[in-house]
Amino acid sequence: MKMSAALLAAGMLLAGCVSTSDVTTQPEQLQHHRFVLESVNGKNVTSDKPLELSFGEKMYVSGNMCNRFTGEGKLSDGELKVKNLAMTRMLCTDPQMNQLDNLLSAMLHDGVQVDLTANQLTLATSHDSLVYNLADLVN
């Protein structure tokens, strides 16, 4: 009986040492970085121009798909929201680019989970995932 109690106590002590908190991406990790879109929902993206996403001071988000977009974002508990996203409204000749514009706009407005691992940035919702690679630092 004493052996069981000792094992139970040791197990509880060890369990207390395990951290259950999730590590989330912080604004400082994104700030002054530029990323280029690599894939959407697991499918590689090809484009005549790099499809970029950049982060500046105070989580100022900017970039392009077919259209250019900008706005001040808020990153909280790993979720990025850009409520007042400004975007040019040109109709693109490529239907895939129009879909990407709409997808990214909705993701940023509604909130998207952000994960930065090594040099890869993932923006994900329950339905969609955009994977970007680090391109370089921006000023």
C-alpha atoms as a PDB file:
ATOM      1  CA  MET A   1       0.000   0.000   0.000  1.00  0.00           C
ATOM      2  CA  LYS A   2       2.806   2.390   0.900  1.00  0.00           C
ATOM      3  CA  MET A   3       4.501   1.576  -2.418  1.00  0.00           C
ATOM      4  CA  SER A   4       1.288   2.474  -4.326  1.00  0.00           C
ATOM      5  CA  ALA A   5       0.991   5.785  -2.494  1.00  0.00           C
ATOM      6  CA  ALA A   6       4.635   6.597  -3.194  1.00  0.00           C
ATOM      7  CA  LEU A   7       4.228   5.817  -6.908  1.00  0.00           C
ATOM      8  CA  LEU A   8       1.027   7.868  -7.079  1.00  0.00           C
ATOM      9  CA  ALA A   9       2.738  10.829  -5.394  1.00  0.00           C
ATOM     10  CA  ALA A  10       5.741  10.566  -7.732  1.00  0.00           C
ATOM     11  CA  GLY A  11       3.426  10.452 -10.748  1.00  0.00           C
ATOM     12  CA  MET A  12       1.546  13.533  -9.605  1.00  0.00           C
ATOM     13  CA  LEU A  13       4.801  15.367  -8.978  1.00  0.00           C
ATOM     14  CA  LEU A  14       6.077  14.565 -12.466  1.00  0.00           C
ATOM     15  CA  ALA A  15       2.750  15.518 -14.038  1.00  0.00           C
ATOM     16  CA  GLY A  16       3.046  18.928 -12.401  1.00  0.00           C
ATOM     17  CA  CYS A  17       6.310  19.497 -14.270  1.00  0.00           C
ATOM     18  CA  VAL A  18       4.720  19.104 -17.692  1.00  0.00           C
ATOM     19  CA  SER A  19       3.661  22.375 -19.252  1.00  0.00           C
ATOM     20  CA  THR A  20       0.267  22.407 -20.934  1.00  0.00           C
ATOM     21  CA  SER A  21       0.469  25.945 -22.301  1.00  0.00           C
ATOM     22  CA  ASP A  22       0.514  26.373 -26.058  1.00  0.00           C
ATOM     23  CA  VAL A  23       3.367  28.324 -27.567  1.00  0.00           C
ATOM     24  CA  THR A  24       1.922  31.050 -29.775  1.00  0.00           C
ATOM     25  CA  THR A  25       3.519  33.330 -32.309  1.00  0.00           C
ATOM     26  CA  GLN A  26       4.272  36.785 -30.930  1.00  0.00           C
ATOM     27  CA  PRO A  27       4.082  40.086 -32.879  1.00  0.00           C
ATOM     28  CA  GLU A  28       7.836  40.614 -32.448  1.00  0.00           C
ATOM     29  CA  GLN A  29       8.498  37.416 -34.412  1.00  0.00           C
ATOM     30  CA  LEU A  30       6.587  38.718 -37.446  1.00  0.00           C
ATOM     31  CA  GLN A  31       7.547  42.381 -37.326  1.00  0.00           C
ATOM     32  CA  HIS A  32       9.828  43.562 -40.149  1.00  0.00           C
ATOM     33  CA  HIS A  33       9.510  40.305 -42.077  1.00  0.00           C
ATOM     34  CA  ARG A  34       8.292  39.617 -45.600  1.00  0.00           C
ATOM     35  CA  PHE A  35       6.846  36.250 -46.600  1.00  0.00           C
ATOM     36  CA  VAL A  36       6.057  34.777 -50.026  1.00  0.00           C
ATOM     37  CA  LEU A  37       3.068  32.461 -50.561  1.00  0.00           C
ATOM     38  CA  GLU A  38       4.085  28.874 -51.295  1.00  0.00           C
ATOM     39  CA  SER A  39       0.863  26.856 -51.072  1.00  0.00           C
ATOM     40  CA  VAL A  40      -2.876  27.042 -50.494  1.00  0.00           C
ATOM     41  CA  ASN A  41      -4.581  24.051 -48.911  1.00  0.00           C
ATOM     42  CA  GLY A  42      -1.542  21.903 -49.718  1.00  0.00           C
ATOM     43  CA  LYS A  43      -1.377  22.849 -53.398  1.00  0.00           C
ATOM     44  CA  ASN A  44       1.625  24.812 -54.693  1.00  0.00           C
ATOM     45  CA  VAL A  45       0.864  28.289 -55.968  1.00  0.00           C
ATOM     46  CA  THR A  46       2.386  29.582 -59.179  1.00  0.00           C
ATOM     47  CA  SER A  47       2.257  33.235 -60.122  1.00  0.00           C
ATOM     48  CA  ASP A  48       4.027  35.690 -62.414  1.00  0.00           C
ATOM     49  CA  LYS A  49       4.866  37.817 -59.377  1.00  0.00           C
ATOM     50  CA  PRO A  50       5.624  36.898 -55.766  1.00  0.00           C
ATOM     51  CA  LEU A  51       2.483  36.871 -53.611  1.00  0.00           C
ATOM     52  CA  GLU A  52       3.708  38.649 -50.507  1.00  0.00           C
ATOM     53  CA  LEU A  53       2.679  39.282 -46.935  1.00  0.00           C
ATOM     54  CA  SER A  54       4.683  41.761 -44.817  1.00  0.00           C
ATOM     55  CA  PHE A  55       4.484  42.864 -41.196  1.00  0.00           C
ATOM     56  CA  GLY A  56       5.589  46.301 -40.018  1.00  0.00           C
ATOM     57  CA  GLU A  57       5.445  48.312 -36.799  1.00  0.00           C
ATOM     58  CA  LYS A  58       2.351  47.816 -34.625  1.00  0.00           C
ATOM     59  CA  MET A  59       1.355  44.730 -36.674  1.00  0.00           C
ATOM     60  CA  TYR A  60       0.830  46.788 -39.828  1.00  0.00           C
ATOM     61  CA  VAL A  61       0.018  44.134 -42.417  1.00  0.00           C
ATOM     62  CA  SER A  62       0.512  44.648 -46.150  1.00  0.00           C
ATOM     63  CA  GLY A  63       0.874  42.526 -49.231  1.00  0.00           C
ATOM     64  CA  ASN A  64      -0.604  41.407 -52.485  1.00  0.00           C
ATOM     65  CA  MET A  65      -2.462  38.649 -54.236  1.00  0.00           C
ATOM     66  CA  CYS A  66      -3.995  40.054 -57.412  1.00  0.00           C
ATOM     67  CA  ASN A  67      -4.831  43.215 -55.467  1.00  0.00           C
ATOM     68  CA  ARG A  68      -2.730  45.023 -52.862  1.00  0.00           C
ATOM     69  CA  PHE A  69      -3.939  45.194 -49.275  1.00  0.00           C
ATOM     70  CA  THR A  70      -2.979  46.987 -46.047  1.00  0.00           C
ATOM     71  CA  GLY A  71      -4.276  47.316 -42.534  1.00  0.00           C
ATOM     72  CA  GLU A  72      -3.361  47.347 -38.880  1.00  0.00           C
ATOM     73  CA  GLY A  73      -3.683  43.904 -37.391  1.00  0.00           C
ATOM     74  CA  LYS A  74      -3.959  42.561 -33.886  1.00  0.00           C
ATOM     75  CA  LEU A  75      -2.309  39.306 -32.839  1.00  0.00           C
ATOM     76  CA  SER A  76      -3.791  37.772 -29.711  1.00  0.00           C
ATOM     77  CA  ASP A  77      -3.390  34.177 -28.491  1.00  0.00           C
ATOM     78  CA  GLY A  78      -2.058  33.150 -31.908  1.00  0.00           C
ATOM     79  CA  GLU A  79      -4.961  34.677 -33.830  1.00  0.00           C
ATOM     80  CA  LEU A  80      -4.454  37.529 -36.294  1.00  0.00           C
ATOM     81  CA  LYS A  81      -7.320  39.893 -37.126  1.00  0.00           C
ATOM     82  CA  VAL A  82      -7.199  42.881 -39.457  1.00  0.00           C
ATOM     83  CA  LYS A  83     -10.617  44.509 -39.069  1.00  0.00           C
ATOM     84  CA  ASN A  84     -10.107  47.547 -41.323  1.00  0.00           C
ATOM     85  CA  LEU A  85      -8.365  45.903 -44.260  1.00  0.00           C
ATOM     86  CA  ALA A  86      -8.013  48.241 -47.232  1.00  0.00           C
ATOM     87  CA  MET A  87      -7.712  46.536 -50.598  1.00  0.00           C
ATOM     88  CA  THR A  88      -7.630  47.646 -54.198  1.00  0.00           C
ATOM     89  CA  ARG A  89     -10.608  46.229 -56.059  1.00  0.00           C
ATOM     90  CA  MET A  90      -9.390  45.272 -59.514  1.00  0.00           C
ATOM     91  CA  LEU A  91     -10.912  42.241 -61.208  1.00  0.00           C
ATOM     92  CA  CYS A  92      -8.151  39.799 -62.019  1.00  0.00           C
ATOM     93  CA  THR A  93      -8.023  37.881 -65.280  1.00  0.00           C
ATOM     94  CA  ASP A  94      -6.977  34.756 -63.386  1.00  0.00           C
ATOM     95  CA  PRO A  95      -9.953  33.277 -61.468  1.00  0.00           C
ATOM     96  CA  GLN A  96      -7.595  31.610 -58.970  1.00  0.00           C
ATOM     97  CA  MET A  97      -6.179  35.025 -58.040  1.00  0.00           C
ATOM     98  CA  ASN A  98      -9.693  36.406 -57.475  1.00  0.00           C
ATOM     99  CA  GLN A  99     -10.420  33.459 -55.165  1.00  0.00           C
ATOM    100  CA  LEU A 100      -7.140  34.021 -53.285  1.00  0.00           C
ATOM    101  CA  ASP A 101      -7.958  37.722 -52.819  1.00  0.00           C
ATOM    102  CA  ASN A 102     -11.354  36.834 -51.348  1.00  0.00           C
ATOM    103  CA  LEU A 103      -9.936  34.019 -49.208  1.00  0.00           C
ATOM    104  CA  LEU A 104      -7.145  36.085 -47.670  1.00  0.00           C
ATOM    105  CA  SER A 105      -9.434  39.062 -47.102  1.00  0.00           C
ATOM    106  CA  ALA A 106     -11.971  36.895 -45.260  1.00  0.00           C
ATOM    107  CA  MET A 107      -9.254  35.141 -43.227  1.00  0.00           C
ATOM    108  CA  LEU A 108      -7.698  38.405 -42.059  1.00  0.00           C
ATOM    109  CA  HIS A 109     -11.062  40.030 -41.304  1.00  0.00           C
ATOM    110  CA  ASP A 110     -12.597  37.085 -39.426  1.00  0.00           C
ATOM    111  CA  GLY A 111      -9.407  35.961 -37.704  1.00  0.00           C
ATOM    112  CA  VAL A 112      -6.804  33.408 -38.662  1.00  0.00           C
ATOM    113  CA  GLN A 113      -4.479  31.222 -36.595  1.00  0.00           C
ATOM    114  CA  VAL A 114      -0.829  32.149 -37.152  1.00  0.00           C
ATOM    115  CA  ASP A 115       2.045  29.723 -36.736  1.00  0.00           C
ATOM    116  CA  LEU A 116       5.650  30.678 -37.411  1.00  0.00           C
ATOM    117  CA  THR A 117       7.946  27.664 -37.364  1.00  0.00           C
ATOM    118  CA  ALA A 118      11.527  28.131 -38.547  1.00  0.00           C
ATOM    119  CA  ASN A 119      11.148  30.101 -41.805  1.00  0.00           C
ATOM    120  CA  GLN A 120       7.587  29.026 -42.570  1.00  0.00           C
ATOM    121  CA  LEU A 121       4.469  31.042 -41.732  1.00  0.00           C
ATOM    122  CA  THR A 122       1.110  29.280 -41.768  1.00  0.00           C
ATOM    123  CA  LEU A 123      -2.233  31.086 -41.724  1.00  0.00           C
ATOM    124  CA  ALA A 124      -5.010  28.615 -41.001  1.00  0.00           C
ATOM    125  CA  THR A 125      -8.732  28.434 -40.366  1.00  0.00           C
ATOM    126  CA  SER A 126     -10.829  25.309 -39.890  1.00  0.00           C
ATOM    127  CA  HIS A 127     -11.263  25.138 -43.691  1.00  0.00           C
ATOM    128  CA  ASP A 128      -8.220  26.727 -45.312  1.00  0.00           C
ATOM    129  CA  SER A 129      -4.465  26.987 -44.931  1.00  0.00           C
ATOM    130  CA  LEU A 130      -1.959  29.370 -46.533  1.00  0.00           C
ATOM    131  CA  VAL A 131       1.743  28.555 -46.194  1.00  0.00           C
ATOM    132  CA  TYR A 132       4.313  31.314 -46.702  1.00  0.00           C
ATOM    133  CA  ASN A 133       8.120  31.141 -46.696  1.00  0.00           C
ATOM    134  CA  LEU A 134      10.301  33.842 -45.183  1.00  0.00           C
ATOM    135  CA  ALA A 135      11.737  35.996 -47.964  1.00  0.00           C
ATOM    136  CA  ASP A 136      13.689  38.663 -46.077  1.00  0.00           C
ATOM    137  CA  LEU A 137      13.520  41.444 -43.536  1.00  0.00           C
ATOM    138  CA  VAL A 138      11.769  44.701 -44.400  1.00  0.00           C
ATOM    139  CA  ASN A 139      12.264  48.131 -42.866  1.00  0.00           C
END
